[in-house]
């Protein structure tokens, strides 16, 4: 397919992460419709009462 690739969200930065998680948690996250990154971001923001800077 020709053409320009879609623009990337400049707020997001892809970094390699080497965290080890329990197998059951990884399996559960893989079954969810949203991305693992979104699940982790939502959980961390809720747990630590963080808000996205404006």
PDB file of N, CA and C in Angstrom:
ATOM      1  N   UNK A   1       0.842  -1.172   0.000  1.00  0.00           N
ATOM      2  CA  UNK A   1       0.000   0.000   0.000  1.00  0.00           C
ATOM      3  C   UNK A   1       0.890   1.239   0.000  1.00  0.00           C
ATOM      4  N   UNK A   2       0.669   2.114  -0.920  1.00  0.00           N
ATOM      5  CA  UNK A   2       1.488   3.315  -1.046  1.00  0.00           C
ATOM      6  C   UNK A   2       0.939   4.414  -0.150  1.00  0.00           C
ATOM      7  N   UNK A   3       1.771   5.404   0.077  1.00  0.00           N
ATOM      8  CA  UNK A   3       1.322   6.558   0.849  1.00  0.00           C
ATOM      9  C   UNK A   3       2.079   6.697   2.148  1.00  0.00           C
ATOM     10  N   UNK A   4       1.779   7.761   2.792  1.00  0.00           N
ATOM     11  CA  UNK A   4       2.441   8.112   4.035  1.00  0.00           C
ATOM     12  C   UNK A   4       1.856   7.301   5.197  1.00  0.00           C
ATOM     13  N   UNK A   5       2.713   6.824   6.098  1.00  0.00           N
ATOM     14  CA  UNK A   5       2.179   6.105   7.263  1.00  0.00           C
ATOM     15  C   UNK A   5       1.432   7.070   8.178  1.00  0.00           C
ATOM     16  N   UNK A   6       0.503   6.572   8.990  1.00  0.00           N
ATOM     17  CA  UNK A   6      -0.248   7.466   9.879  1.00  0.00           C
ATOM     18  C   UNK A   6       0.688   8.169  10.859  1.00  0.00           C
ATOM     19  N   UNK A   7       0.304   9.384  11.258  1.00  0.00           N
ATOM     20  CA  UNK A   7       1.112  10.144  12.212  1.00  0.00           C
ATOM     21  C   UNK A   7       1.115   9.449  13.563  1.00  0.00           C
ATOM     22  N   UNK A   8       2.256   9.491  14.221  1.00  0.00           N
ATOM     23  CA  UNK A   8       2.386   8.894  15.543  1.00  0.00           C
ATOM     24  C   UNK A   8       1.983   9.917  16.591  1.00  0.00           C
ATOM     25  N   UNK A   9       1.442   9.435  17.682  1.00  0.00           N
ATOM     26  CA  UNK A   9       1.075  10.295  18.802  1.00  0.00           C
ATOM     27  C   UNK A   9       2.361  10.727  19.499  1.00  0.00           C
ATOM     28  N   UNK A  10       2.696  11.991  19.416  1.00  0.00           N
ATOM     29  CA  UNK A  10       3.963  12.486  19.969  1.00  0.00           C
ATOM     30  C   UNK A  10       3.999  12.468  21.496  1.00  0.00           C
ATOM     31  N   UNK A  11       2.844  12.268  22.142  1.00  0.00           N
ATOM     32  CA  UNK A  11       2.833  12.190  23.602  1.00  0.00           C
ATOM     33  C   UNK A  11       3.327  10.838  24.089  1.00  0.00           C
ATOM     34  N   UNK A  12       3.312   9.851  23.204  1.00  0.00           N
ATOM     35  CA  UNK A  12       3.688   8.497  23.585  1.00  0.00           C
ATOM     36  C   UNK A  12       5.123   8.217  23.153  1.00  0.00           C
ATOM     37  N   UNK A  13       5.860   7.534  24.000  1.00  0.00           N
ATOM     38  CA  UNK A  13       7.238   7.169  23.716  1.00  0.00           C
ATOM     39  C   UNK A  13       7.361   5.670  23.930  1.00  0.00           C
ATOM     40  N   UNK A  14       7.844   4.958  22.928  1.00  0.00           N
ATOM     41  CA  UNK A  14       8.009   3.516  23.063  1.00  0.00           C
ATOM     42  C   UNK A  14       9.374   3.239  23.676  1.00  0.00           C
ATOM     43  N   UNK A  15       9.353   2.578  24.809  1.00  0.00           N
ATOM     44  CA  UNK A  15      10.597   2.223  25.482  1.00  0.00           C
ATOM     45  C   UNK A  15      10.576   0.725  25.773  1.00  0.00           C
ATOM     46  N   UNK A  16      11.735   0.081  25.695  1.00  0.00           N
ATOM     47  CA  UNK A  16      11.761  -1.340  26.041  1.00  0.00           C
ATOM     48  C   UNK A  16      11.612  -1.501  27.554  1.00  0.00           C
ATOM     49  N   UNK A  17      10.704  -2.353  27.948  1.00  0.00           N
ATOM     50  CA  UNK A  17      10.453  -2.580  29.370  1.00  0.00           C
ATOM     51  C   UNK A  17      10.677  -4.050  29.665  1.00  0.00           C
ATOM     52  N   UNK A  18      11.423  -4.326  30.684  1.00  0.00           N
ATOM     53  CA  UNK A  18      11.736  -5.708  31.018  1.00  0.00           C
ATOM     54  C   UNK A  18      11.130  -6.150  32.336  1.00  0.00           C
ATOM     55  N   UNK A  19       9.945  -5.656  32.671  1.00  0.00           N
ATOM     56  CA  UNK A  19       9.306  -6.050  33.921  1.00  0.00           C
ATOM     57  C   UNK A  19       8.807  -7.479  33.842  1.00  0.00           C
ATOM     58  N   UNK A  20       8.943  -8.188  34.943  1.00  0.00           N
ATOM     59  CA  UNK A  20       8.410  -9.544  35.020  1.00  0.00           C
ATOM     60  C   UNK A  20       7.086  -9.479  35.761  1.00  0.00           C
ATOM     61  N   UNK A  21       6.074 -10.078  35.159  1.00  0.00           N
ATOM     62  CA  UNK A  21       4.744 -10.112  35.755  1.00  0.00           C
ATOM     63  C   UNK A  21       4.318 -11.561  35.922  1.00  0.00           C
ATOM     64  N   UNK A  22       3.422 -11.817  36.871  1.00  0.00           N
ATOM     65  CA  UNK A  22       2.926 -13.185  37.024  1.00  0.00           C
ATOM     66  C   UNK A  22       2.265 -13.664  35.729  1.00  0.00           C
ATOM     67  N   UNK A  23       2.463 -14.927  35.424  1.00  0.00           N
ATOM     68  CA  UNK A  23       1.931 -15.507  34.182  1.00  0.00           C
ATOM     69  C   UNK A  23       0.418 -15.305  34.070  1.00  0.00           C
ATOM     70  N   UNK A  24      -0.311 -15.477  35.200  1.00  0.00           N
ATOM     71  CA  UNK A  24      -1.769 -15.334  35.147  1.00  0.00           C
ATOM     72  C   UNK A  24      -2.173 -13.921  34.758  1.00  0.00           C
ATOM     73  N   UNK A  25      -1.390 -12.915  35.197  1.00  0.00           N
ATOM     74  CA  UNK A  25      -1.703 -11.529  34.872  1.00  0.00           C
ATOM     75  C   UNK A  25      -1.449 -11.246  33.392  1.00  0.00           C
ATOM     76  N   UNK A  26      -0.351 -11.752  32.867  1.00  0.00           N
ATOM     77  CA  UNK A  26      -0.043 -11.580  31.443  1.00  0.00           C
ATOM     78  C   UNK A  26      -1.121 -12.244  30.591  1.00  0.00           C
ATOM     79  N   UNK A  27      -1.534 -13.449  30.978  1.00  0.00           N
ATOM     80  CA  UNK A  27      -2.585 -14.145  30.226  1.00  0.00           C
ATOM     81  C   UNK A  27      -3.887 -13.358  30.255  1.00  0.00           C
ATOM     82  N   UNK A  28      -4.238 -12.810  31.413  1.00  0.00           N
ATOM     83  CA  UNK A  28      -5.462 -12.013  31.528  1.00  0.00           C
ATOM     84  C   UNK A  28      -5.383 -10.771  30.643  1.00  0.00           C
ATOM     85  N   UNK A  29      -4.240 -10.058  30.687  1.00  0.00           N
ATOM     86  CA  UNK A  29      -4.099  -8.843  29.875  1.00  0.00           C
ATOM     87  C   UNK A  29      -4.201  -9.157  28.388  1.00  0.00           C
ATOM     88  N   UNK A  30      -3.668 -10.288  27.963  1.00  0.00           N
ATOM     89  CA  UNK A  30      -3.734 -10.668  26.547  1.00  0.00           C
ATOM     90  C   UNK A  30      -5.163 -10.954  26.103  1.00  0.00           C
ATOM     91  N   UNK A  31      -6.029 -11.330  27.021  1.00  0.00           N
ATOM     92  CA  UNK A  31      -7.424 -11.615  26.699  1.00  0.00           C
ATOM     93  C   UNK A  31      -8.275 -10.352  26.598  1.00  0.00           C
ATOM     94  N   UNK A  32      -7.760  -9.232  27.066  1.00  0.00           N
ATOM     95  CA  UNK A  32      -8.541  -7.995  27.101  1.00  0.00           C
ATOM     96  C   UNK A  32      -8.537  -7.307  25.741  1.00  0.00           C
ATOM     97  N   UNK A  33      -9.624  -6.572  25.434  1.00  0.00           N
ATOM     98  CA  UNK A  33      -9.697  -5.892  24.133  1.00  0.00           C
ATOM     99  C   UNK A  33      -8.754  -4.695  24.009  1.00  0.00           C
ATOM    100  N   UNK A  34      -8.414  -4.044  25.119  1.00  0.00           N
ATOM    101  CA  UNK A  34      -7.512  -2.896  25.023  1.00  0.00           C
ATOM    102  C   UNK A  34      -6.061  -3.355  25.143  1.00  0.00           C
ATOM    103  N   UNK A  35      -5.151  -2.486  24.739  1.00  0.00           N
ATOM    104  CA  UNK A  35      -3.734  -2.845  24.735  1.00  0.00           C
ATOM    105  C   UNK A  35      -3.212  -3.010  26.159  1.00  0.00           C
ATOM    106  N   UNK A  36      -2.150  -3.788  26.280  1.00  0.00           N
ATOM    107  CA  UNK A  36      -1.531  -3.981  27.589  1.00  0.00           C
ATOM    108  C   UNK A  36      -1.000  -2.658  28.124  1.00  0.00           C
ATOM    109  N   UNK A  37      -0.490  -1.820  27.242  1.00  0.00           N
ATOM    110  CA  UNK A  37       0.016  -0.508  27.663  1.00  0.00           C
ATOM    111  C   UNK A  37      -1.106   0.327  28.271  1.00  0.00           C
ATOM    112  N   UNK A  38      -2.284   0.306  27.652  1.00  0.00           N
ATOM    113  CA  UNK A  38      -3.421   1.078  28.164  1.00  0.00           C
ATOM    114  C   UNK A  38      -3.870   0.544  29.522  1.00  0.00           C
ATOM    115  N   UNK A  39      -3.891  -0.773  29.679  1.00  0.00           N
ATOM    116  CA  UNK A  39      -4.289  -1.377  30.955  1.00  0.00           C
ATOM    117  C   UNK A  39      -3.322  -0.958  32.056  1.00  0.00           C
ATOM    118  N   UNK A  40      -2.034  -1.045  31.783  1.00  0.00           N
ATOM    119  CA  UNK A  40      -1.019  -0.691  32.780  1.00  0.00           C
ATOM    120  C   UNK A  40      -1.075   0.797  33.101  1.00  0.00           C
ATOM    121  N   UNK A  41      -1.200   1.633  32.068  1.00  0.00           N
ATOM    122  CA  UNK A  41      -1.275   3.082  32.294  1.00  0.00           C
ATOM    123  C   UNK A  41      -2.474   3.433  33.165  1.00  0.00           C
ATOM    124  N   UNK A  42      -3.643   2.889  32.839  1.00  0.00           N
ATOM    125  CA  UNK A  42      -4.849   3.173  33.625  1.00  0.00           C
ATOM    126  C   UNK A  42      -4.680   2.733  35.076  1.00  0.00           C
ATOM    127  N   UNK A  43      -4.102   1.540  35.285  1.00  0.00           N
ATOM    128  CA  UNK A  43      -3.933   1.011  36.639  1.00  0.00           C
ATOM    129  C   UNK A  43      -2.965   1.865  37.457  1.00  0.00           C
ATOM    130  N   UNK A  44      -1.847   2.263  36.859  1.00  0.00           N
ATOM    131  CA  UNK A  44      -0.854   3.075  37.579  1.00  0.00           C
ATOM    132  C   UNK A  44      -1.427   4.453  37.900  1.00  0.00           C
ATOM    133  N   UNK A  45      -2.126   5.043  36.937  1.00  0.00           N
ATOM    134  CA  UNK A  45      -2.702   6.372  37.174  1.00  0.00           C
ATOM    135  C   UNK A  45      -3.739   6.327  38.298  1.00  0.00           C
ATOM    136  N   UNK A  46      -4.567   5.272  38.312  1.00  0.00           N
ATOM    137  CA  UNK A  46      -5.579   5.154  39.361  1.00  0.00           C
ATOM    138  C   UNK A  46      -4.940   4.866  40.718  1.00  0.00           C
ATOM    139  N   UNK A  47      -4.000   3.946  40.758  1.00  0.00           N
ATOM    140  CA  UNK A  47      -3.353   3.547  42.014  1.00  0.00           C
ATOM    141  C   UNK A  47      -2.641   4.720  42.686  1.00  0.00           C
ATOM    142  N   UNK A  48      -1.973   5.559  41.883  1.00  0.00           N
ATOM    143  CA  UNK A  48      -1.165   6.646  42.434  1.00  0.00           C
ATOM    144  C   UNK A  48      -1.823   8.012  42.275  1.00  0.00           C
ATOM    145  N   UNK A  49      -3.104   8.011  41.914  1.00  0.00           N
ATOM    146  CA  UNK A  49      -3.889   9.243  41.786  1.00  0.00           C
ATOM    147  C   UNK A  49      -3.188  10.274  40.898  1.00  0.00           C
ATOM    148  N   UNK A  50      -2.704   9.814  39.742  1.00  0.00           N
ATOM    149  CA  UNK A  50      -2.016  10.687  38.793  1.00  0.00           C
ATOM    150  C   UNK A  50      -3.004  11.244  37.782  1.00  0.00           C
ATOM    151  N   UNK A  51      -2.706  12.428  37.295  1.00  0.00           N
ATOM    152  CA  UNK A  51      -3.494  13.034  36.229  1.00  0.00           C
ATOM    153  C   UNK A  51      -2.544  13.445  35.117  1.00  0.00           C
ATOM    154  N   UNK A  52      -3.004  13.290  33.872  1.00  0.00           N
ATOM    155  CA  UNK A  52      -2.180  13.667  32.726  1.00  0.00           C
ATOM    156  C   UNK A  52      -1.950  15.173  32.747  1.00  0.00           C
ATOM    157  N   UNK A  53      -0.703  15.623  32.576  1.00  0.00           N
ATOM    158  CA  UNK A  53      -0.443  17.069  32.570  1.00  0.00           C
ATOM    159  C   UNK A  53      -1.119  17.733  31.375  1.00  0.00           C
ATOM    160  N   UNK A  54      -1.529  18.961  31.575  1.00  0.00           N
ATOM    161  CA  UNK A  54      -2.207  19.674  30.474  1.00  0.00           C
ATOM    162  C   UNK A  54      -1.279  20.585  29.728  1.00  0.00           C
TER     163      UNK A  54
END
